[in-house]
């Protein structure tokens, strides 16, 4: 993973001067970018890290040599490829690289002239403010982006999904900021939008009724309402058709709630479930590290399963 990062940096450094090489048709590139999106959602970060640099250079060539609709489509594909690259940078702690990629995402989304791609950029840009703890700015960003989108029943699936995803993320921001009423209002908007679309991936973001339910638990955990989170989880689990990254995060959040209730056995079960779903996502996740560190400090007895997963995650 880390050995691939210099190649990714080089591809970004030369984005306006990409290497010469074969440039496939937009149709072929659409399929390749779709595969990269799937790799990101399924937390196959190593595949992404090694395949994205050459794809980004190819897309940069396509954007430079195309005109009109083809140029806008190439810019849209480049935006989605940048998003996949950010999935690698952010998950592995390269915050400077992540911020840079998000800036490139915004530039290419503007060139694509697609408001829903710009909404996706705002969704991803929230990571920057999560990292800095500037939740007020994150909230303003998401609210402003949502206000730019149509949200009525006739708006269409793309608009509803983009609008709902922004409110879904804004609910987590509000929860982390300790604002329960605001968080619930955002969840209400997200649920309303989710009723208008099937669960699917829209502009690189999974959205629909199941995704909103995953975020309902996340908000309860952020607000410190662990009993509500655990009660919610007793009645529902994320379905198999949800992307692995999202399903694993559900169990990461549930483990945090169980830890606060001193349900150490259930914490381990949740972390093992998360690892089985998306090991690369779980292994380096800071919330997993925090949970394991606390569990190691507070456990009354040494559990071989705890020692094994902590060693695997690099916490011991």
C-alpha atoms as a PDB file:
ATOM      1  CA  UNK A   1       0.000   0.000   0.000  1.00  0.00           C
ATOM      2  CA  UNK A   2       2.473   2.625   1.160  1.00  0.00           C
ATOM      3  CA  UNK A   3       4.941   1.683  -1.583  1.00  0.00           C
ATOM      4  CA  UNK A   4       2.339   2.685  -4.179  1.00  0.00           C
ATOM      5  CA  UNK A   5       1.814   6.221  -2.863  1.00  0.00           C
ATOM      6  CA  UNK A   6       4.845   7.789  -4.679  1.00  0.00           C
ATOM      7  CA  UNK A   7       3.416   6.613  -8.018  1.00  0.00           C
ATOM      8  CA  UNK A   8       0.097   8.212  -7.156  1.00  0.00           C
ATOM      9  CA  UNK A   9       1.809  11.468  -6.183  1.00  0.00           C
ATOM     10  CA  UNK A  10       3.712  11.477  -9.475  1.00  0.00           C
ATOM     11  CA  UNK A  11       0.499  11.035 -11.488  1.00  0.00           C
ATOM     12  CA  UNK A  12      -1.013  14.012  -9.670  1.00  0.00           C
ATOM     13  CA  UNK A  13       2.138  16.120 -10.035  1.00  0.00           C
ATOM     14  CA  UNK A  14       2.011  15.657 -13.805  1.00  0.00           C
ATOM     15  CA  UNK A  15      -1.748  15.929 -14.221  1.00  0.00           C
ATOM     16  CA  UNK A  16      -1.316  18.745 -16.767  1.00  0.00           C
ATOM     17  CA  UNK A  17       1.650  16.954 -18.393  1.00  0.00           C
ATOM     18  CA  UNK A  18       0.595  13.301 -18.426  1.00  0.00           C
ATOM     19  CA  UNK A  19       2.898  10.640 -19.816  1.00  0.00           C
ATOM     20  CA  UNK A  20       2.394   9.613 -23.430  1.00  0.00           C
ATOM     21  CA  UNK A  21       0.524   6.390 -23.888  1.00  0.00           C
ATOM     22  CA  UNK A  22      -2.570   4.625 -25.095  1.00  0.00           C
ATOM     23  CA  UNK A  23      -5.836   6.470 -24.478  1.00  0.00           C
ATOM     24  CA  UNK A  24      -8.892   4.271 -24.634  1.00  0.00           C
ATOM     25  CA  UNK A  25     -12.309   5.421 -25.770  1.00  0.00           C
ATOM     26  CA  UNK A  26     -14.602   7.133 -23.281  1.00  0.00           C
ATOM     27  CA  UNK A  27     -16.809   4.051 -23.329  1.00  0.00           C
ATOM     28  CA  UNK A  28     -13.922   1.842 -22.245  1.00  0.00           C
ATOM     29  CA  UNK A  29     -12.843   4.383 -19.641  1.00  0.00           C
ATOM     30  CA  UNK A  30     -16.359   4.480 -18.185  1.00  0.00           C
ATOM     31  CA  UNK A  31     -16.067   0.751 -17.489  1.00  0.00           C
ATOM     32  CA  UNK A  32     -12.605   1.084 -15.973  1.00  0.00           C
ATOM     33  CA  UNK A  33     -13.653   3.924 -13.666  1.00  0.00           C
ATOM     34  CA  UNK A  34     -16.709   1.911 -12.603  1.00  0.00           C
ATOM     35  CA  UNK A  35     -14.355  -0.893 -11.593  1.00  0.00           C
ATOM     36  CA  UNK A  36     -12.271   1.554  -9.543  1.00  0.00           C
ATOM     37  CA  UNK A  37     -15.404   2.796  -7.777  1.00  0.00           C
ATOM     38  CA  UNK A  38     -16.320  -0.791  -6.963  1.00  0.00           C
ATOM     39  CA  UNK A  39     -12.820  -1.480  -5.624  1.00  0.00           C
ATOM     40  CA  UNK A  40     -13.098   1.547  -3.337  1.00  0.00           C
ATOM     41  CA  UNK A  41     -16.555   0.660  -2.060  1.00  0.00           C
ATOM     42  CA  UNK A  42     -15.437  -2.902  -1.423  1.00  0.00           C
ATOM     43  CA  UNK A  43     -12.312  -1.627   0.385  1.00  0.00           C
ATOM     44  CA  UNK A  44      -9.818  -3.168  -2.052  1.00  0.00           C
ATOM     45  CA  UNK A  45      -7.363  -0.360  -1.415  1.00  0.00           C
ATOM     46  CA  UNK A  46      -4.232  -2.178  -2.547  1.00  0.00           C
ATOM     47  CA  UNK A  47      -5.727  -2.745  -6.010  1.00  0.00           C
ATOM     48  CA  UNK A  48      -6.652   0.929  -6.191  1.00  0.00           C
ATOM     49  CA  UNK A  49      -3.248   2.151  -5.093  1.00  0.00           C
ATOM     50  CA  UNK A  50      -1.444   0.265  -7.850  1.00  0.00           C
ATOM     51  CA  UNK A  51      -3.937   0.739 -10.703  1.00  0.00           C
ATOM     52  CA  UNK A  52      -5.035   4.335 -10.257  1.00  0.00           C
ATOM     53  CA  UNK A  53      -1.828   6.217 -11.185  1.00  0.00           C
ATOM     54  CA  UNK A  54      -1.796   4.986 -14.788  1.00  0.00           C
ATOM     55  CA  UNK A  55      -5.581   5.421 -15.089  1.00  0.00           C
ATOM     56  CA  UNK A  56      -5.405   8.998 -13.818  1.00  0.00           C
ATOM     57  CA  UNK A  57      -2.716   9.811 -16.386  1.00  0.00           C
ATOM     58  CA  UNK A  58      -4.809   8.219 -19.132  1.00  0.00           C
ATOM     59  CA  UNK A  59      -7.886  10.196 -18.100  1.00  0.00           C
ATOM     60  CA  UNK A  60      -5.816  13.383 -18.040  1.00  0.00           C
ATOM     61  CA  UNK A  61      -4.772  12.678 -21.647  1.00  0.00           C
ATOM     62  CA  UNK A  62      -8.395  12.062 -22.593  1.00  0.00           C
ATOM     63  CA  UNK A  63      -9.481  15.346 -21.003  1.00  0.00           C
ATOM     64  CA  UNK A  64      -6.756  17.262 -22.847  1.00  0.00           C
ATOM     65  CA  UNK A  65      -7.480  15.789 -26.260  1.00  0.00           C
ATOM     66  CA  UNK A  66     -11.294  15.865 -26.178  1.00  0.00           C
ATOM     67  CA  UNK A  67     -13.761  18.642 -26.905  1.00  0.00           C
ATOM     68  CA  UNK A  68     -17.397  19.331 -26.125  1.00  0.00           C
ATOM     69  CA  UNK A  69     -19.381  16.492 -24.593  1.00  0.00           C
ATOM     70  CA  UNK A  70     -16.414  14.112 -24.692  1.00  0.00           C
ATOM     71  CA  UNK A  71     -14.270  16.588 -22.751  1.00  0.00           C
ATOM     72  CA  UNK A  72     -16.967  17.006 -20.108  1.00  0.00           C
ATOM     73  CA  UNK A  73     -17.350  13.241 -19.803  1.00  0.00           C
ATOM     74  CA  UNK A  74     -13.591  12.789 -19.462  1.00  0.00           C
ATOM     75  CA  UNK A  75     -13.572  15.445 -16.716  1.00  0.00           C
ATOM     76  CA  UNK A  76     -16.408  13.622 -14.941  1.00  0.00           C
ATOM     77  CA  UNK A  77     -14.512  10.339 -15.098  1.00  0.00           C
ATOM     78  CA  UNK A  78     -11.376  12.044 -13.823  1.00  0.00           C
ATOM     79  CA  UNK A  79     -13.391  13.406 -10.880  1.00  0.00           C
ATOM     80  CA  UNK A  80     -14.528   9.898  -9.953  1.00  0.00           C
ATOM     81  CA  UNK A  81     -11.003   8.514 -10.343  1.00  0.00           C
ATOM     82  CA  UNK A  82      -9.728  11.240  -8.016  1.00  0.00           C
ATOM     83  CA  UNK A  83     -12.388  10.209  -5.536  1.00  0.00           C
ATOM     84  CA  UNK A  84     -11.143   6.627  -5.643  1.00  0.00           C
ATOM     85  CA  UNK A  85      -7.611   7.928  -5.075  1.00  0.00           C
ATOM     86  CA  UNK A  86      -8.802   9.913  -2.081  1.00  0.00           C
ATOM     87  CA  UNK A  87     -10.218   6.694  -0.671  1.00  0.00           C
ATOM     88  CA  UNK A  88      -6.654   5.391  -0.527  1.00  0.00           C
ATOM     89  CA  UNK A  89      -5.044   8.613   0.739  1.00  0.00           C
ATOM     90  CA  UNK A  90      -7.571   9.338   3.485  1.00  0.00           C
ATOM     91  CA  UNK A  91      -7.912   5.784   4.790  1.00  0.00           C
ATOM     92  CA  UNK A  92      -4.142   5.453   5.143  1.00  0.00           C
ATOM     93  CA  UNK A  93      -3.580   8.792   6.848  1.00  0.00           C
ATOM     94  CA  UNK A  94      -2.098  10.850   4.000  1.00  0.00           C
ATOM     95  CA  UNK A  95      -4.136  13.916   4.919  1.00  0.00           C
ATOM     96  CA  UNK A  96      -2.078  16.358   2.848  1.00  0.00           C
ATOM     97  CA  UNK A  97      -2.500  14.156  -0.199  1.00  0.00           C
ATOM     98  CA  UNK A  98      -6.216  13.753   0.486  1.00  0.00           C
ATOM     99  CA  UNK A  99      -6.735  17.525   0.660  1.00  0.00           C
ATOM    100  CA  UNK A 100      -4.840  17.962  -2.591  1.00  0.00           C
ATOM    101  CA  UNK A 101      -6.894  15.290  -4.343  1.00  0.00           C
ATOM    102  CA  UNK A 102     -10.124  16.921  -3.184  1.00  0.00           C
ATOM    103  CA  UNK A 103      -8.984  20.224  -4.735  1.00  0.00           C
ATOM    104  CA  UNK A 104      -8.334  18.383  -8.008  1.00  0.00           C
ATOM    105  CA  UNK A 105     -11.773  16.760  -7.726  1.00  0.00           C
ATOM    106  CA  UNK A 106     -13.408  20.162  -7.494  1.00  0.00           C
ATOM    107  CA  UNK A 107     -11.519  21.499 -10.506  1.00  0.00           C
ATOM    108  CA  UNK A 108     -12.456  18.531 -12.685  1.00  0.00           C
ATOM    109  CA  UNK A 109     -16.080  18.538 -11.452  1.00  0.00           C
ATOM    110  CA  UNK A 110     -16.375  22.190 -12.515  1.00  0.00           C
ATOM    111  CA  UNK A 111     -14.990  21.259 -15.945  1.00  0.00           C
ATOM    112  CA  UNK A 112     -17.560  18.441 -16.147  1.00  0.00           C
ATOM    113  CA  UNK A 113     -20.358  20.989 -15.577  1.00  0.00           C
ATOM    114  CA  UNK A 114     -22.252  18.494 -13.438  1.00  0.00           C
ATOM    115  CA  UNK A 115     -23.938  19.790 -10.261  1.00  0.00           C
ATOM    116  CA  UNK A 116     -24.238  16.290  -8.816  1.00  0.00           C
ATOM    117  CA  UNK A 117     -20.512  15.726  -9.117  1.00  0.00           C
ATOM    118  CA  UNK A 118     -19.971  19.036  -7.316  1.00  0.00           C
ATOM    119  CA  UNK A 119     -22.285  17.771  -4.560  1.00  0.00           C
ATOM    120  CA  UNK A 120     -20.153  14.613  -4.349  1.00  0.00           C
ATOM    121  CA  UNK A 121     -17.049  16.782  -3.968  1.00  0.00           C
ATOM    122  CA  UNK A 122     -18.677  18.582  -1.032  1.00  0.00           C
ATOM    123  CA  UNK A 123     -19.549  15.218   0.524  1.00  0.00           C
ATOM    124  CA  UNK A 124     -15.928  14.068   0.255  1.00  0.00           C
ATOM    125  CA  UNK A 125     -14.466  17.430   1.272  1.00  0.00           C
ATOM    126  CA  UNK A 126     -16.021  16.958   4.707  1.00  0.00           C
ATOM    127  CA  UNK A 127     -13.139  14.566   5.426  1.00  0.00           C
ATOM    128  CA  UNK A 128     -10.810  17.562   5.589  1.00  0.00           C
ATOM    129  CA  UNK A 129     -12.866  19.115   8.372  1.00  0.00           C
ATOM    130  CA  UNK A 130     -13.270  15.820  10.201  1.00  0.00           C
ATOM    131  CA  UNK A 131      -9.473  15.633  10.258  1.00  0.00           C
ATOM    132  CA  UNK A 132      -9.091  19.200  11.579  1.00  0.00           C
ATOM    133  CA  UNK A 133     -12.116  19.046  13.896  1.00  0.00           C
ATOM    134  CA  UNK A 134     -13.670  22.102  12.216  1.00  0.00           C
ATOM    135  CA  UNK A 135     -17.227  20.809  12.322  1.00  0.00           C
ATOM    136  CA  UNK A 136     -18.863  24.238  11.926  1.00  0.00           C
ATOM    137  CA  UNK A 137     -17.257  24.672   8.504  1.00  0.00           C
ATOM    138  CA  UNK A 138     -18.197  21.113   7.544  1.00  0.00           C
ATOM    139  CA  UNK A 139     -21.806  21.851   8.435  1.00  0.00           C
ATOM    140  CA  UNK A 140     -21.866  25.071   6.404  1.00  0.00           C
ATOM    141  CA  UNK A 141     -20.324  23.287   3.432  1.00  0.00           C
ATOM    142  CA  UNK A 142     -22.878  20.477   3.412  1.00  0.00           C
ATOM    143  CA  UNK A 143     -25.864  22.763   3.961  1.00  0.00           C
ATOM    144  CA  UNK A 144     -24.777  25.089   1.169  1.00  0.00           C
ATOM    145  CA  UNK A 145     -24.253  22.176  -1.220  1.00  0.00           C
ATOM    146  CA  UNK A 146     -27.668  20.679  -0.391  1.00  0.00           C
ATOM    147  CA  UNK A 147     -29.357  24.054  -0.900  1.00  0.00           C
ATOM    148  CA  UNK A 148     -28.045  24.097  -4.484  1.00  0.00           C
ATOM    149  CA  UNK A 149     -29.913  20.903  -5.380  1.00  0.00           C
ATOM    150  CA  UNK A 150     -33.562  20.249  -6.214  1.00  0.00           C
ATOM    151  CA  UNK A 151     -35.191  18.089  -3.561  1.00  0.00           C
ATOM    152  CA  UNK A 152     -38.854  17.640  -4.475  1.00  0.00           C
ATOM    153  CA  UNK A 153     -40.498  14.386  -5.630  1.00  0.00           C
ATOM    154  CA  UNK A 154     -40.014  15.359  -9.288  1.00  0.00           C
ATOM    155  CA  UNK A 155     -36.313  16.099  -8.970  1.00  0.00           C
ATOM    156  CA  UNK A 156     -35.167  12.675 -10.185  1.00  0.00           C
ATOM    157  CA  UNK A 157     -33.054   9.908  -8.690  1.00  0.00           C
ATOM    158  CA  UNK A 158     -29.688  11.632  -9.182  1.00  0.00           C
ATOM    159  CA  UNK A 159     -30.861  14.799  -7.425  1.00  0.00           C
ATOM    160  CA  UNK A 160     -32.556  12.902  -4.589  1.00  0.00           C
ATOM    161  CA  UNK A 161     -29.482  10.729  -4.002  1.00  0.00           C
ATOM    162  CA  UNK A 162     -27.075  13.677  -4.020  1.00  0.00           C
ATOM    163  CA  UNK A 163     -29.338  15.693  -1.700  1.00  0.00           C
ATOM    164  CA  UNK A 164     -29.929  12.776   0.654  1.00  0.00           C
ATOM    165  CA  UNK A 165     -26.249  11.841   0.858  1.00  0.00           C
ATOM    166  CA  UNK A 166     -25.316  15.390   1.861  1.00  0.00           C
ATOM    167  CA  UNK A 167     -27.901  15.369   4.663  1.00  0.00           C
ATOM    168  CA  UNK A 168     -26.801  11.887   5.706  1.00  0.00           C
ATOM    169  CA  UNK A 169     -23.253  13.132   6.199  1.00  0.00           C
ATOM    170  CA  UNK A 170     -24.443  16.400   7.773  1.00  0.00           C
ATOM    171  CA  UNK A 171     -26.275  14.332  10.400  1.00  0.00           C
ATOM    172  CA  UNK A 172     -22.982  12.693  11.416  1.00  0.00           C
ATOM    173  CA  UNK A 173     -21.304  16.107  11.579  1.00  0.00           C
ATOM    174  CA  UNK A 174     -24.073  17.419  13.821  1.00  0.00           C
ATOM    175  CA  UNK A 175     -23.895  14.308  15.980  1.00  0.00           C
ATOM    176  CA  UNK A 176     -20.160  14.697  16.428  1.00  0.00           C
ATOM    177  CA  UNK A 177     -20.736  18.366  17.310  1.00  0.00           C
ATOM    178  CA  UNK A 178     -23.225  17.346  20.022  1.00  0.00           C
ATOM    179  CA  UNK A 179     -26.299  18.811  18.313  1.00  0.00           C
ATOM    180  CA  UNK A 180     -29.024  16.150  18.552  1.00  0.00           C
ATOM    181  CA  UNK A 181     -31.894  18.244  17.150  1.00  0.00           C
ATOM    182  CA  UNK A 182     -29.878  19.272  14.113  1.00  0.00           C
ATOM    183  CA  UNK A 183     -28.686  15.710  13.570  1.00  0.00           C
ATOM    184  CA  UNK A 184     -32.250  14.378  13.669  1.00  0.00           C
ATOM    185  CA  UNK A 185     -33.434  17.061  11.235  1.00  0.00           C
ATOM    186  CA  UNK A 186     -30.724  16.046   8.766  1.00  0.00           C
ATOM    187  CA  UNK A 187     -31.642  12.376   9.172  1.00  0.00           C
ATOM    188  CA  UNK A 188     -35.275  13.238   8.452  1.00  0.00           C
ATOM    189  CA  UNK A 189     -34.225  14.897   5.175  1.00  0.00           C
ATOM    190  CA  UNK A 190     -32.012  11.940   4.288  1.00  0.00           C
ATOM    191  CA  UNK A 191     -34.862   9.474   4.945  1.00  0.00           C
ATOM    192  CA  UNK A 192     -37.236  11.545   2.801  1.00  0.00           C
ATOM    193  CA  UNK A 193     -34.776  11.445  -0.094  1.00  0.00           C
ATOM    194  CA  UNK A 194     -34.095   7.728   0.433  1.00  0.00           C
ATOM    195  CA  UNK A 195     -37.787   6.949  -0.081  1.00  0.00           C
ATOM    196  CA  UNK A 196     -37.438   8.299  -3.634  1.00  0.00           C
ATOM    197  CA  UNK A 197     -34.574   6.057  -4.795  1.00  0.00           C
ATOM    198  CA  UNK A 198     -33.481   2.421  -4.585  1.00  0.00           C
ATOM    199  CA  UNK A 199     -30.333   1.595  -2.644  1.00  0.00           C
ATOM    200  CA  UNK A 200     -27.507   2.018  -5.147  1.00  0.00           C
ATOM    201  CA  UNK A 201     -24.257   3.840  -5.855  1.00  0.00           C
ATOM    202  CA  UNK A 202     -24.731   7.387  -7.152  1.00  0.00           C
ATOM    203  CA  UNK A 203     -21.697   9.395  -8.274  1.00  0.00           C
ATOM    204  CA  UNK A 204     -19.482   7.159  -6.180  1.00  0.00           C
ATOM    205  CA  UNK A 205     -21.627   7.320  -3.007  1.00  0.00           C
ATOM    206  CA  UNK A 206     -23.819   4.500  -1.755  1.00  0.00           C
ATOM    207  CA  UNK A 207     -27.242   5.915  -0.873  1.00  0.00           C
ATOM    208  CA  UNK A 208     -30.690   4.600  -0.142  1.00  0.00           C
ATOM    209  CA  UNK A 209     -32.790   3.373   2.798  1.00  0.00           C
ATOM    210  CA  UNK A 210     -30.148   0.941   4.104  1.00  0.00           C
ATOM    211  CA  UNK A 211     -27.361   3.525   3.939  1.00  0.00           C
ATOM    212  CA  UNK A 212     -29.496   5.933   5.941  1.00  0.00           C
ATOM    213  CA  UNK A 213     -30.062   3.255   8.592  1.00  0.00           C
ATOM    214  CA  UNK A 214     -26.311   2.726   8.856  1.00  0.00           C
ATOM    215  CA  UNK A 215     -25.938   6.465   9.469  1.00  0.00           C
ATOM    216  CA  UNK A 216     -28.731   6.459  12.055  1.00  0.00           C
ATOM    217  CA  UNK A 217     -26.608   4.159  14.186  1.00  0.00           C
ATOM    218  CA  UNK A 218     -23.499   6.272  13.514  1.00  0.00           C
ATOM    219  CA  UNK A 219     -25.325   9.397  14.690  1.00  0.00           C
ATOM    220  CA  UNK A 220     -26.517   7.676  17.883  1.00  0.00           C
ATOM    221  CA  UNK A 221     -22.917   6.694  18.626  1.00  0.00           C
ATOM    222  CA  UNK A 222     -21.606  10.198  17.907  1.00  0.00           C
ATOM    223  CA  UNK A 223     -24.227  11.620  20.268  1.00  0.00           C
ATOM    224  CA  UNK A 224     -23.120   9.201  22.990  1.00  0.00           C
ATOM    225  CA  UNK A 225     -26.459   7.375  23.015  1.00  0.00           C
ATOM    226  CA  UNK A 226     -24.992   3.881  23.143  1.00  0.00           C
ATOM    227  CA  UNK A 227     -28.167   2.176  24.442  1.00  0.00           C
ATOM    228  CA  UNK A 228     -30.115   3.497  21.461  1.00  0.00           C
ATOM    229  CA  UNK A 229     -27.399   2.351  19.071  1.00  0.00           C
ATOM    230  CA  UNK A 230     -27.324  -1.161  20.533  1.00  0.00           C
ATOM    231  CA  UNK A 231     -31.128  -1.368  20.582  1.00  0.00           C
ATOM    232  CA  UNK A 232     -31.228  -0.306  16.933  1.00  0.00           C
ATOM    233  CA  UNK A 233     -28.647  -2.942  16.016  1.00  0.00           C
ATOM    234  CA  UNK A 234     -30.652  -5.689  17.755  1.00  0.00           C
ATOM    235  CA  UNK A 235     -33.448  -5.200  15.222  1.00  0.00           C
ATOM    236  CA  UNK A 236     -31.469  -4.652  12.008  1.00  0.00           C
ATOM    237  CA  UNK A 237     -28.150  -5.478  10.359  1.00  0.00           C
ATOM    238  CA  UNK A 238     -26.827  -4.109   7.062  1.00  0.00           C
ATOM    239  CA  UNK A 239     -27.770  -6.313   4.113  1.00  0.00           C
ATOM    240  CA  UNK A 240     -25.189  -8.105   1.994  1.00  0.00           C
ATOM    241  CA  UNK A 241     -25.825  -5.897  -1.029  1.00  0.00           C
ATOM    242  CA  UNK A 242     -24.432  -2.834   0.756  1.00  0.00           C
ATOM    243  CA  UNK A 243     -20.783  -2.079  -0.109  1.00  0.00           C
ATOM    244  CA  UNK A 244     -18.257  -3.708   2.194  1.00  0.00           C
ATOM    245  CA  UNK A 245     -16.776  -0.395   3.320  1.00  0.00           C
ATOM    246  CA  UNK A 246     -20.158   0.812   4.567  1.00  0.00           C
ATOM    247  CA  UNK A 247     -21.170  -2.485   6.159  1.00  0.00           C
ATOM    248  CA  UNK A 248     -17.881  -2.767   8.020  1.00  0.00           C
ATOM    249  CA  UNK A 249     -18.232   0.793   9.319  1.00  0.00           C
ATOM    250  CA  UNK A 250     -21.591  -0.157  10.817  1.00  0.00           C
ATOM    251  CA  UNK A 251     -19.876  -2.789  12.971  1.00  0.00           C
ATOM    252  CA  UNK A 252     -17.016  -0.417  13.826  1.00  0.00           C
ATOM    253  CA  UNK A 253     -19.568   2.069  15.166  1.00  0.00           C
ATOM    254  CA  UNK A 254     -21.489  -0.657  16.962  1.00  0.00           C
ATOM    255  CA  UNK A 255     -18.266  -1.804  18.629  1.00  0.00           C
ATOM    256  CA  UNK A 256     -17.768   1.747  19.934  1.00  0.00           C
ATOM    257  CA  UNK A 257     -21.272   1.710  21.421  1.00  0.00           C
ATOM    258  CA  UNK A 258     -20.760  -1.711  23.021  1.00  0.00           C
ATOM    259  CA  UNK A 259     -17.480  -0.543  24.529  1.00  0.00           C
ATOM    260  CA  UNK A 260     -19.173   2.363  26.288  1.00  0.00           C
ATOM    261  CA  UNK A 261     -21.627  -0.118  27.802  1.00  0.00           C
ATOM    262  CA  UNK A 262     -18.737  -2.358  28.941  1.00  0.00           C
ATOM    263  CA  UNK A 263     -19.962  -5.181  26.720  1.00  0.00           C
ATOM    264  CA  UNK A 264     -16.439  -6.353  25.957  1.00  0.00           C
ATOM    265  CA  UNK A 265     -17.466  -9.672  24.447  1.00  0.00           C
ATOM    266  CA  UNK A 266     -19.788  -7.892  22.017  1.00  0.00           C
ATOM    267  CA  UNK A 267     -17.057  -5.412  21.111  1.00  0.00           C
ATOM    268  CA  UNK A 268     -14.856  -8.282  19.961  1.00  0.00           C
ATOM    269  CA  UNK A 269     -17.690  -9.874  18.014  1.00  0.00           C
ATOM    270  CA  UNK A 270     -18.380  -6.597  16.205  1.00  0.00           C
ATOM    271  CA  UNK A 271     -14.722  -6.049  15.327  1.00  0.00           C
ATOM    272  CA  UNK A 272     -14.386  -9.600  14.036  1.00  0.00           C
ATOM    273  CA  UNK A 273     -17.512  -9.090  11.902  1.00  0.00           C
ATOM    274  CA  UNK A 274     -16.077  -5.836  10.532  1.00  0.00           C
ATOM    275  CA  UNK A 275     -12.737  -7.510   9.757  1.00  0.00           C
ATOM    276  CA  UNK A 276     -14.446 -10.377   7.939  1.00  0.00           C
ATOM    277  CA  UNK A 277     -16.267  -7.895   5.719  1.00  0.00           C
ATOM    278  CA  UNK A 278     -13.467  -5.429   4.874  1.00  0.00           C
ATOM    279  CA  UNK A 279     -10.084  -6.232   6.442  1.00  0.00           C
ATOM    280  CA  UNK A 280      -8.139  -3.399   4.791  1.00  0.00           C
ATOM    281  CA  UNK A 281     -10.729  -0.863   5.923  1.00  0.00           C
ATOM    282  CA  UNK A 282     -10.703  -2.144   9.495  1.00  0.00           C
ATOM    283  CA  UNK A 283      -6.991  -2.746   9.989  1.00  0.00           C
ATOM    284  CA  UNK A 284      -5.943   0.890   9.720  1.00  0.00           C
ATOM    285  CA  UNK A 285      -9.127   2.586  10.933  1.00  0.00           C
ATOM    286  CA  UNK A 286      -8.362   5.056  13.762  1.00  0.00           C
ATOM    287  CA  UNK A 287     -11.652   4.309  15.539  1.00  0.00           C
ATOM    288  CA  UNK A 288     -10.773   0.615  15.533  1.00  0.00           C
ATOM    289  CA  UNK A 289      -7.359   1.444  17.003  1.00  0.00           C
ATOM    290  CA  UNK A 290      -8.975   3.611  19.699  1.00  0.00           C
ATOM    291  CA  UNK A 291     -11.485   0.884  20.550  1.00  0.00           C
ATOM    292  CA  UNK A 292      -8.807  -1.810  20.780  1.00  0.00           C
ATOM    293  CA  UNK A 293      -6.489   0.399  22.849  1.00  0.00           C
ATOM    294  CA  UNK A 294      -9.276   1.081  25.337  1.00  0.00           C
ATOM    295  CA  UNK A 295     -10.253  -2.569  25.434  1.00  0.00           C
ATOM    296  CA  UNK A 296      -6.671  -3.614  26.161  1.00  0.00           C
ATOM    297  CA  UNK A 297      -6.486  -1.127  29.038  1.00  0.00           C
ATOM    298  CA  UNK A 298      -9.834  -1.949  30.590  1.00  0.00           C
ATOM    299  CA  UNK A 299     -10.289  -5.697  30.081  1.00  0.00           C
ATOM    300  CA  UNK A 300     -10.252  -7.590  33.351  1.00  0.00           C
ATOM    301  CA  UNK A 301      -8.600 -10.616  31.779  1.00  0.00           C
ATOM    302  CA  UNK A 302      -6.434 -11.323  28.782  1.00  0.00           C
ATOM    303  CA  UNK A 303      -8.448 -12.710  25.894  1.00  0.00           C
ATOM    304  CA  UNK A 304      -6.549 -14.475  23.124  1.00  0.00           C
ATOM    305  CA  UNK A 305      -8.996 -13.154  20.552  1.00  0.00           C
ATOM    306  CA  UNK A 306      -8.381  -9.597  21.724  1.00  0.00           C
ATOM    307  CA  UNK A 307      -4.624 -10.048  21.608  1.00  0.00           C
ATOM    308  CA  UNK A 308      -4.846 -11.571  18.138  1.00  0.00           C
ATOM    309  CA  UNK A 309      -6.938  -8.800  16.570  1.00  0.00           C
ATOM    310  CA  UNK A 310      -4.947  -6.075  18.335  1.00  0.00           C
ATOM    311  CA  UNK A 311      -1.696  -7.544  17.012  1.00  0.00           C
ATOM    312  CA  UNK A 312      -3.200  -7.848  13.528  1.00  0.00           C
ATOM    313  CA  UNK A 313      -4.290  -4.172  13.610  1.00  0.00           C
ATOM    314  CA  UNK A 314      -0.883  -3.036  14.835  1.00  0.00           C
ATOM    315  CA  UNK A 315      -2.187  -1.751  18.170  1.00  0.00           C
ATOM    316  CA  UNK A 316       0.141  -3.896  20.348  1.00  0.00           C
END
